Amino acid sequence: MPKSEFVAVPSPLEHHLGFWLRFVSNHVSRRFENLLAEQGISTSEWVAMRTLHDRSDSTHASLIRKLAMTKGAVSKVVTKLEDKGFVVRSFAGESARDQVLSLTAPGRRLVIRLAKLADENDQFFFGHLDSGKRNELMTLMQELVKHHQFSELPVE
């Protein structure tokens, strides 16, 4: 091989912060997905329900923006939640485009139960860290979100 050719050695996976973030995230997410599945709910349904819980006047369009999913994908999620009795659609105006989405009473109760599962999942993975380290980790993640102006909620 001529001296002018240099073969670079790639850095090991373990030297990348992104690798460790993904490694932990996959395990945290997978366990929570399984806990949700035991309740008959998908991750995207959970995120939609949790989002609707905070706003009693959410529109179909605002949910699309918040979840950063296509109109069709959000419609499927909302239809599944309607079929399960957790969400209702009503019309604020004369157009079908003026849909307002609301949680039903069983939907609100389920959000409370699922939020406890989310808390338990966090405790399972991060409970061994003292509160200072947990707060520091949370702050660092929030700083990354703010710096990169991430706004879409993770639904998968």
N, C-alpha and C. Protein backbone atom coordinates (compact mmCIF):
# COMPACT_ATOMS: atom_id res chain seq x y z
N MET A 1 0.86 -1.16 0.00
CA MET A 1 0.00 0.00 0.00
C MET A 1 0.91 1.23 0.00
N PRO A 2 0.68 2.16 -0.92
CA PRO A 2 1.50 3.37 -0.94
C PRO A 2 1.36 4.17 0.34
N LYS A 3 2.44 4.87 0.70
CA LYS A 3 2.43 5.65 1.94
C LYS A 3 1.37 6.74 1.93
N SER A 4 0.96 7.20 0.77
CA SER A 4 -0.02 8.29 0.70
C SER A 4 -1.43 7.84 1.10
N GLU A 5 -1.67 6.54 1.05
CA GLU A 5 -3.00 6.05 1.44
C GLU A 5 -3.04 5.79 2.94
N PHE A 6 -4.02 6.36 3.58
CA PHE A 6 -4.17 6.21 5.03
C PHE A 6 -5.48 5.48 5.30
N VAL A 7 -5.41 4.44 6.05
CA VAL A 7 -6.62 3.69 6.41
C VAL A 7 -7.02 4.11 7.81
N ALA A 8 -8.16 4.77 7.88
CA ALA A 8 -8.65 5.24 9.18
C ALA A 8 -9.29 4.08 9.94
N VAL A 9 -9.09 4.07 11.21
CA VAL A 9 -9.71 3.06 12.07
C VAL A 9 -10.93 3.71 12.69
N PRO A 10 -12.10 3.12 12.46
CA PRO A 10 -13.31 3.73 13.02
C PRO A 10 -13.33 3.63 14.54
N SER A 11 -13.90 4.63 15.15
CA SER A 11 -14.01 4.60 16.60
C SER A 11 -15.01 3.52 17.02
N PRO A 12 -14.77 2.89 18.15
CA PRO A 12 -15.69 1.84 18.62
C PRO A 12 -17.07 2.42 18.96
N LEU A 13 -18.08 1.62 18.79
CA LEU A 13 -19.44 2.04 19.14
C LEU A 13 -19.51 2.62 20.54
N GLU A 14 -18.85 1.96 21.46
CA GLU A 14 -18.92 2.33 22.87
C GLU A 14 -18.32 3.70 23.17
N HIS A 15 -17.68 4.32 22.18
CA HIS A 15 -17.10 5.65 22.36
C HIS A 15 -18.08 6.76 21.98
N HIS A 16 -19.28 6.38 21.57
CA HIS A 16 -20.27 7.35 21.12
C HIS A 16 -21.40 7.50 22.14
N LEU A 17 -21.61 8.71 22.56
CA LEU A 17 -22.68 8.99 23.50
C LEU A 17 -24.03 8.56 22.93
N GLY A 18 -24.21 8.78 21.63
CA GLY A 18 -25.46 8.37 20.98
C GLY A 18 -25.73 6.88 21.11
N PHE A 19 -24.67 6.09 21.06
CA PHE A 19 -24.81 4.65 21.25
C PHE A 19 -25.40 4.35 22.62
N TRP A 20 -24.86 5.00 23.66
CA TRP A 20 -25.33 4.74 25.03
C TRP A 20 -26.74 5.26 25.23
N LEU A 21 -27.05 6.41 24.64
CA LEU A 21 -28.43 6.93 24.74
C LEU A 21 -29.41 5.96 24.11
N ARG A 22 -29.08 5.48 22.93
CA ARG A 22 -29.95 4.54 22.23
C ARG A 22 -30.05 3.22 22.98
N PHE A 23 -28.93 2.76 23.50
CA PHE A 23 -28.89 1.49 24.25
C PHE A 23 -29.86 1.55 25.42
N VAL A 24 -29.76 2.60 26.22
CA VAL A 24 -30.65 2.75 27.38
C VAL A 24 -32.08 2.99 26.92
N SER A 25 -32.25 3.90 25.97
CA SER A 25 -33.59 4.24 25.49
C SER A 25 -34.34 3.02 24.98
N ASN A 26 -33.66 2.18 24.22
CA ASN A 26 -34.33 0.98 23.70
C ASN A 26 -34.86 0.10 24.82
N HIS A 27 -34.06 -0.07 25.87
CA HIS A 27 -34.49 -0.93 26.98
C HIS A 27 -35.62 -0.28 27.77
N VAL A 28 -35.51 1.01 28.03
CA VAL A 28 -36.56 1.72 28.77
C VAL A 28 -37.86 1.68 27.96
N SER A 29 -37.77 1.97 26.69
CA SER A 29 -38.96 2.00 25.82
C SER A 29 -39.58 0.62 25.67
N ARG A 30 -38.75 -0.39 25.46
CA ARG A 30 -39.27 -1.75 25.24
C ARG A 30 -40.03 -2.25 26.47
N ARG A 31 -39.48 -2.00 27.64
CA ARG A 31 -40.16 -2.45 28.86
C ARG A 31 -41.50 -1.73 29.02
N PHE A 32 -41.51 -0.42 28.75
CA PHE A 32 -42.75 0.33 28.88
C PHE A 32 -43.76 -0.10 27.82
N GLU A 33 -43.31 -0.36 26.61
CA GLU A 33 -44.21 -0.86 25.57
C GLU A 33 -44.88 -2.15 26.02
N ASN A 34 -44.12 -3.03 26.66
CA ASN A 34 -44.69 -4.29 27.15
C ASN A 34 -45.71 -4.05 28.26
N LEU A 35 -45.41 -3.10 29.15
CA LEU A 35 -46.37 -2.77 30.20
C LEU A 35 -47.66 -2.20 29.60
N LEU A 36 -47.52 -1.37 28.58
CA LEU A 36 -48.70 -0.81 27.90
C LEU A 36 -49.48 -1.91 27.20
N ALA A 37 -48.76 -2.81 26.52
CA ALA A 37 -49.42 -3.89 25.79
C ALA A 37 -50.25 -4.77 26.72
N GLU A 38 -49.77 -4.95 27.95
CA GLU A 38 -50.55 -5.72 28.93
C GLU A 38 -51.88 -5.04 29.23
N GLN A 39 -51.95 -3.74 29.01
CA GLN A 39 -53.18 -2.97 29.23
C GLN A 39 -53.98 -2.80 27.93
N GLY A 40 -53.47 -3.38 26.83
CA GLY A 40 -54.14 -3.29 25.54
C GLY A 40 -53.96 -1.94 24.85
N ILE A 41 -52.87 -1.26 25.15
CA ILE A 41 -52.62 0.08 24.61
C ILE A 41 -51.25 0.10 23.93
N SER A 42 -51.17 0.77 22.79
CA SER A 42 -49.88 0.96 22.11
C SER A 42 -49.23 2.25 22.61
N THR A 43 -47.97 2.40 22.28
CA THR A 43 -47.25 3.61 22.69
C THR A 43 -47.89 4.85 22.08
N SER A 44 -48.24 4.80 20.80
CA SER A 44 -48.85 5.97 20.17
C SER A 44 -50.21 6.28 20.79
N GLU A 45 -50.96 5.26 21.17
CA GLU A 45 -52.25 5.49 21.85
C GLU A 45 -52.01 6.15 23.21
N TRP A 46 -51.00 5.67 23.93
CA TRP A 46 -50.67 6.26 25.24
C TRP A 46 -50.31 7.73 25.09
N VAL A 47 -49.43 8.04 24.15
CA VAL A 47 -48.99 9.43 23.98
C VAL A 47 -50.18 10.31 23.58
N ALA A 48 -51.03 9.82 22.71
CA ALA A 48 -52.22 10.58 22.32
C ALA A 48 -53.13 10.81 23.52
N MET A 49 -53.38 9.76 24.30
CA MET A 49 -54.25 9.90 25.47
C MET A 49 -53.65 10.85 26.50
N ARG A 50 -52.36 10.73 26.73
CA ARG A 50 -51.71 11.59 27.72
C ARG A 50 -51.76 13.05 27.27
N THR A 51 -51.61 13.27 25.96
CA THR A 51 -51.70 14.61 25.39
C THR A 51 -53.12 15.16 25.55
N LEU A 52 -54.11 14.34 25.26
CA LEU A 52 -55.51 14.77 25.38
C LEU A 52 -55.89 15.02 26.84
N HIS A 53 -55.26 14.31 27.75
CA HIS A 53 -55.57 14.48 29.17
C HIS A 53 -55.30 15.92 29.63
N ASP A 54 -54.28 16.54 29.07
CA ASP A 54 -53.89 17.89 29.48
C ASP A 54 -54.74 18.99 28.86
N ARG A 55 -55.48 18.65 27.81
CA ARG A 55 -56.28 19.68 27.13
C ARG A 55 -57.66 19.14 26.83
N SER A 56 -58.65 19.79 27.32
CA SER A 56 -60.02 19.32 27.09
C SER A 56 -60.56 19.77 25.74
N ASP A 57 -59.83 20.64 25.07
CA ASP A 57 -60.31 21.18 23.80
C ASP A 57 -59.36 20.88 22.63
N SER A 58 -58.73 19.73 22.66
CA SER A 58 -57.79 19.37 21.60
C SER A 58 -58.52 19.10 20.30
N THR A 59 -57.97 19.60 19.25
CA THR A 59 -58.53 19.32 17.93
C THR A 59 -57.71 18.21 17.28
N HIS A 60 -58.30 17.63 16.28
CA HIS A 60 -57.60 16.60 15.51
C HIS A 60 -56.33 17.20 14.93
N ALA A 61 -56.40 18.42 14.43
CA ALA A 61 -55.24 19.09 13.83
C ALA A 61 -54.15 19.35 14.86
N SER A 62 -54.52 19.75 16.07
CA SER A 62 -53.50 20.01 17.10
C SER A 62 -52.82 18.72 17.54
N LEU A 63 -53.57 17.63 17.55
CA LEU A 63 -52.97 16.33 17.91
C LEU A 63 -52.00 15.89 16.81
N ILE A 64 -52.34 16.13 15.57
CA ILE A 64 -51.44 15.81 14.45
C ILE A 64 -50.13 16.58 14.62
N ARG A 65 -50.22 17.86 14.92
CA ARG A 65 -49.00 18.68 15.11
C ARG A 65 -48.19 18.20 16.30
N LYS A 66 -48.85 17.93 17.40
CA LYS A 66 -48.16 17.53 18.63
C LYS A 66 -47.45 16.19 18.48
N LEU A 67 -48.11 15.25 17.80
CA LEU A 67 -47.54 13.91 17.65
C LEU A 67 -46.61 13.79 16.44
N ALA A 68 -46.66 14.80 15.56
CA ALA A 68 -45.86 14.79 14.32
C ALA A 68 -46.09 13.51 13.53
N MET A 69 -47.36 13.12 13.45
CA MET A 69 -47.74 11.95 12.67
C MET A 69 -48.62 12.45 11.52
N THR A 70 -48.80 11.62 10.53
CA THR A 70 -49.67 11.99 9.42
C THR A 70 -51.12 12.03 9.89
N LYS A 71 -51.93 12.73 9.12
CA LYS A 71 -53.36 12.81 9.44
C LYS A 71 -53.98 11.42 9.51
N GLY A 72 -53.62 10.56 8.55
CA GLY A 72 -54.16 9.20 8.53
C GLY A 72 -53.73 8.39 9.74
N ALA A 73 -52.46 8.53 10.14
CA ALA A 73 -51.97 7.78 11.29
C ALA A 73 -52.67 8.22 12.57
N VAL A 74 -52.83 9.52 12.74
CA VAL A 74 -53.53 10.03 13.93
C VAL A 74 -54.98 9.59 13.91
N SER A 75 -55.61 9.62 12.73
CA SER A 75 -57.00 9.17 12.62
C SER A 75 -57.14 7.72 13.06
N LYS A 76 -56.19 6.87 12.67
CA LYS A 76 -56.23 5.46 13.07
C LYS A 76 -56.11 5.32 14.59
N VAL A 77 -55.19 6.09 15.18
CA VAL A 77 -55.01 6.04 16.63
C VAL A 77 -56.29 6.49 17.33
N VAL A 78 -56.85 7.60 16.87
CA VAL A 78 -58.07 8.12 17.50
C VAL A 78 -59.22 7.14 17.33
N THR A 79 -59.35 6.54 16.15
CA THR A 79 -60.42 5.56 15.91
C THR A 79 -60.27 4.36 16.84
N LYS A 80 -59.04 3.87 17.02
CA LYS A 80 -58.81 2.75 17.95
C LYS A 80 -59.21 3.14 19.36
N LEU A 81 -58.85 4.35 19.77
CA LEU A 81 -59.19 4.81 21.12
C LEU A 81 -60.70 5.00 21.26
N GLU A 82 -61.35 5.45 20.21
CA GLU A 82 -62.82 5.56 20.23
C GLU A 82 -63.45 4.18 20.37
N ASP A 83 -62.96 3.23 19.57
CA ASP A 83 -63.50 1.87 19.61
C ASP A 83 -63.34 1.23 20.98
N LYS A 84 -62.29 1.62 21.69
CA LYS A 84 -62.04 1.10 23.04
C LYS A 84 -62.81 1.88 24.10
N GLY A 85 -63.48 2.94 23.69
CA GLY A 85 -64.28 3.74 24.63
C GLY A 85 -63.49 4.75 25.44
N PHE A 86 -62.30 5.11 24.97
CA PHE A 86 -61.45 6.04 25.72
C PHE A 86 -61.46 7.47 25.20
N VAL A 87 -61.91 7.66 23.98
CA VAL A 87 -61.93 8.99 23.35
C VAL A 87 -63.25 9.17 22.63
N VAL A 88 -63.73 10.40 22.63
CA VAL A 88 -64.90 10.76 21.82
C VAL A 88 -64.53 11.96 20.95
N ARG A 89 -65.17 12.00 19.77
CA ARG A 89 -65.02 13.15 18.87
C ARG A 89 -66.32 13.92 18.90
N SER A 90 -66.19 15.21 18.92
CA SER A 90 -67.36 16.06 18.76
C SER A 90 -66.99 17.12 17.74
N PHE A 91 -67.98 17.82 17.26
CA PHE A 91 -67.74 18.81 16.23
C PHE A 91 -68.04 20.19 16.77
N ALA A 92 -67.03 21.05 16.70
CA ALA A 92 -67.16 22.41 17.24
C ALA A 92 -67.86 23.33 16.25
N GLY A 93 -67.78 23.01 14.99
CA GLY A 93 -68.38 23.85 13.96
C GLY A 93 -69.22 23.00 13.03
N GLU A 94 -69.47 23.54 11.87
CA GLU A 94 -70.30 22.82 10.90
C GLU A 94 -69.49 21.88 10.02
N SER A 95 -68.19 21.98 10.08
CA SER A 95 -67.33 21.18 9.24
C SER A 95 -66.78 20.00 10.03
N ALA A 96 -66.61 18.89 9.33
CA ALA A 96 -65.98 17.72 9.96
C ALA A 96 -64.53 18.02 10.34
N ARG A 97 -63.98 19.10 9.78
CA ARG A 97 -62.61 19.48 10.10
C ARG A 97 -62.51 20.11 11.48
N ASP A 98 -63.62 20.49 12.05
CA ASP A 98 -63.63 21.15 13.35
C ASP A 98 -63.83 20.15 14.48
N GLN A 99 -63.17 19.02 14.40
CA GLN A 99 -63.32 17.97 15.41
C GLN A 99 -62.60 18.35 16.70
N VAL A 100 -63.29 18.15 17.80
CA VAL A 100 -62.68 18.30 19.12
C VAL A 100 -62.61 16.89 19.71
N LEU A 101 -61.45 16.57 20.25
CA LEU A 101 -61.22 15.25 20.82
C LEU A 101 -61.17 15.35 22.34
N SER A 102 -61.84 14.43 22.99
CA SER A 102 -61.87 14.43 24.46
C SER A 102 -61.75 13.01 24.98
N LEU A 103 -61.12 12.89 26.14
CA LEU A 103 -61.09 11.60 26.81
C LEU A 103 -62.43 11.36 27.49
N THR A 104 -62.85 10.11 27.50
CA THR A 104 -64.03 9.73 28.27
C THR A 104 -63.60 9.52 29.72
N ALA A 105 -64.55 9.32 30.60
CA ALA A 105 -64.21 9.04 32.00
C ALA A 105 -63.32 7.80 32.12
N PRO A 106 -63.65 6.69 31.42
CA PRO A 106 -62.74 5.54 31.48
C PRO A 106 -61.36 5.87 30.90
N GLY A 107 -61.31 6.71 29.87
CA GLY A 107 -60.03 7.13 29.30
C GLY A 107 -59.20 7.92 30.29
N ARG A 108 -59.84 8.80 31.05
CA ARG A 108 -59.12 9.59 32.07
C ARG A 108 -58.59 8.68 33.18
N ARG A 109 -59.40 7.71 33.58
CA ARG A 109 -58.94 6.77 34.62
C ARG A 109 -57.76 5.93 34.11
N LEU A 110 -57.83 5.53 32.84
CA LEU A 110 -56.74 4.74 32.27
C LEU A 110 -55.46 5.56 32.20
N VAL A 111 -55.54 6.83 31.86
CA VAL A 111 -54.34 7.67 31.81
C VAL A 111 -53.66 7.71 33.17
N ILE A 112 -54.44 7.81 34.23
CA ILE A 112 -53.88 7.82 35.59
C ILE A 112 -53.15 6.51 35.86
N ARG A 113 -53.77 5.38 35.50
CA ARG A 113 -53.14 4.07 35.70
C ARG A 113 -51.86 3.93 34.88
N LEU A 114 -51.92 4.36 33.63
CA LEU A 114 -50.76 4.22 32.75
C LEU A 114 -49.63 5.16 33.17
N ALA A 115 -49.97 6.33 33.68
CA ALA A 115 -48.94 7.25 34.17
C ALA A 115 -48.20 6.63 35.36
N LYS A 116 -48.92 5.88 36.18
CA LYS A 116 -48.27 5.17 37.29
C LYS A 116 -47.31 4.11 36.77
N LEU A 117 -47.70 3.44 35.67
CA LEU A 117 -46.79 2.47 35.06
C LEU A 117 -45.55 3.17 34.51
N ALA A 118 -45.72 4.35 33.94
CA ALA A 118 -44.57 5.12 33.44
C ALA A 118 -43.65 5.50 34.59
N ASP A 119 -44.25 5.91 35.70
CA ASP A 119 -43.46 6.24 36.90
C ASP A 119 -42.70 5.02 37.40
N GLU A 120 -43.38 3.87 37.43
CA GLU A 120 -42.74 2.63 37.88
C GLU A 120 -41.61 2.23 36.93
N ASN A 121 -41.81 2.44 35.62
CA ASN A 121 -40.77 2.12 34.65
C ASN A 121 -39.54 3.01 34.88
N ASP A 122 -39.77 4.29 35.12
CA ASP A 122 -38.65 5.19 35.43
C ASP A 122 -37.93 4.73 36.69
N GLN A 123 -38.70 4.35 37.69
CA GLN A 123 -38.10 3.89 38.95
C GLN A 123 -37.27 2.63 38.72
N PHE A 124 -37.78 1.73 37.90
CA PHE A 124 -37.06 0.49 37.59
C PHE A 124 -35.68 0.79 37.00
N PHE A 125 -35.63 1.73 36.05
CA PHE A 125 -34.37 2.01 35.36
C PHE A 125 -33.50 3.04 36.05
N PHE A 126 -34.11 4.02 36.71
CA PHE A 126 -33.34 5.14 37.23
C PHE A 126 -33.40 5.29 38.75
N GLY A 127 -34.14 4.40 39.41
CA GLY A 127 -34.31 4.49 40.85
C GLY A 127 -33.04 4.30 41.65
N HIS A 128 -32.06 3.64 41.08
CA HIS A 128 -30.79 3.43 41.79
C HIS A 128 -29.94 4.71 41.81
N LEU A 129 -30.28 5.68 40.98
CA LEU A 129 -29.55 6.95 40.96
C LEU A 129 -30.11 7.85 42.06
N ASP A 130 -29.24 8.58 42.73
CA ASP A 130 -29.76 9.51 43.73
C ASP A 130 -30.49 10.65 43.02
N SER A 131 -31.30 11.38 43.75
CA SER A 131 -32.15 12.41 43.13
C SER A 131 -31.34 13.46 42.39
N GLY A 132 -30.14 13.77 42.88
CA GLY A 132 -29.29 14.75 42.20
C GLY A 132 -28.88 14.28 40.81
N LYS A 133 -28.49 13.01 40.71
CA LYS A 133 -28.10 12.46 39.41
C LYS A 133 -29.29 12.36 38.47
N ARG A 134 -30.45 11.94 39.01
CA ARG A 134 -31.65 11.87 38.17
C ARG A 134 -32.01 13.25 37.64
N ASN A 135 -31.98 14.24 38.52
CA ASN A 135 -32.29 15.61 38.09
C ASN A 135 -31.29 16.12 37.07
N GLU A 136 -30.02 15.79 37.28
CA GLU A 136 -28.98 16.21 36.33
C GLU A 136 -29.20 15.57 34.96
N LEU A 137 -29.51 14.28 34.96
CA LEU A 137 -29.77 13.58 33.71
C LEU A 137 -30.98 14.18 33.01
N MET A 138 -32.05 14.45 33.75
CA MET A 138 -33.24 15.05 33.18
C MET A 138 -32.92 16.43 32.59
N THR A 139 -32.17 17.22 33.33
CA THR A 139 -31.80 18.56 32.87
C THR A 139 -30.97 18.48 31.59
N LEU A 140 -30.02 17.56 31.53
CA LEU A 140 -29.20 17.40 30.33
C LEU A 140 -30.05 17.01 29.13
N MET A 141 -30.99 16.10 29.33
CA MET A 141 -31.86 15.69 28.22
C MET A 141 -32.73 16.87 27.77
N GLN A 142 -33.26 17.63 28.73
CA GLN A 142 -34.09 18.78 28.39
C GLN A 142 -33.27 19.86 27.67
N GLU A 143 -32.01 20.03 28.07
CA GLU A 143 -31.14 20.99 27.38
C GLU A 143 -30.92 20.58 25.93
N LEU A 144 -30.74 19.28 25.69
CA LEU A 144 -30.57 18.80 24.32
C LEU A 144 -31.84 19.06 23.49
N VAL A 145 -32.98 18.78 24.09
CA VAL A 145 -34.26 19.02 23.39
C VAL A 145 -34.39 20.50 23.04
N LYS A 146 -34.09 21.36 24.00
CA LYS A 146 -34.21 22.80 23.77
C LYS A 146 -33.20 23.28 22.72
N HIS A 147 -31.96 22.85 22.86
CA HIS A 147 -30.91 23.28 21.93
C HIS A 147 -31.25 22.91 20.49
N HIS A 148 -31.75 21.69 20.30
CA HIS A 148 -32.06 21.22 18.95
C HIS A 148 -33.49 21.53 18.53
N GLN A 149 -34.23 22.19 19.41
CA GLN A 149 -35.61 22.62 19.14
C GLN A 149 -36.50 21.44 18.73
N PHE A 150 -36.35 20.33 19.45
CA PHE A 150 -37.21 19.18 19.20
C PHE A 150 -38.60 19.50 19.76
N SER A 151 -39.61 19.21 18.99
CA SER A 151 -40.97 19.48 19.48
C SER A 151 -41.90 18.28 19.35
N GLU A 152 -41.57 17.36 18.45
CA GLU A 152 -42.43 16.21 18.27
C GLU A 152 -42.27 15.25 19.44
N LEU A 153 -43.37 14.73 19.89
CA LEU A 153 -43.33 13.76 20.98
C LEU A 153 -42.93 12.40 20.45
N PRO A 154 -42.15 11.64 21.20
CA PRO A 154 -41.79 10.30 20.72
C PRO A 154 -42.99 9.36 20.86
N VAL A 155 -43.41 8.82 19.73
CA VAL A 155 -44.57 7.93 19.73
C VAL A 155 -44.22 6.49 19.36
N GLU A 156 -43.01 6.26 19.00
CA GLU A 156 -42.56 4.90 18.64
C GLU A 156 -41.35 4.54 19.43
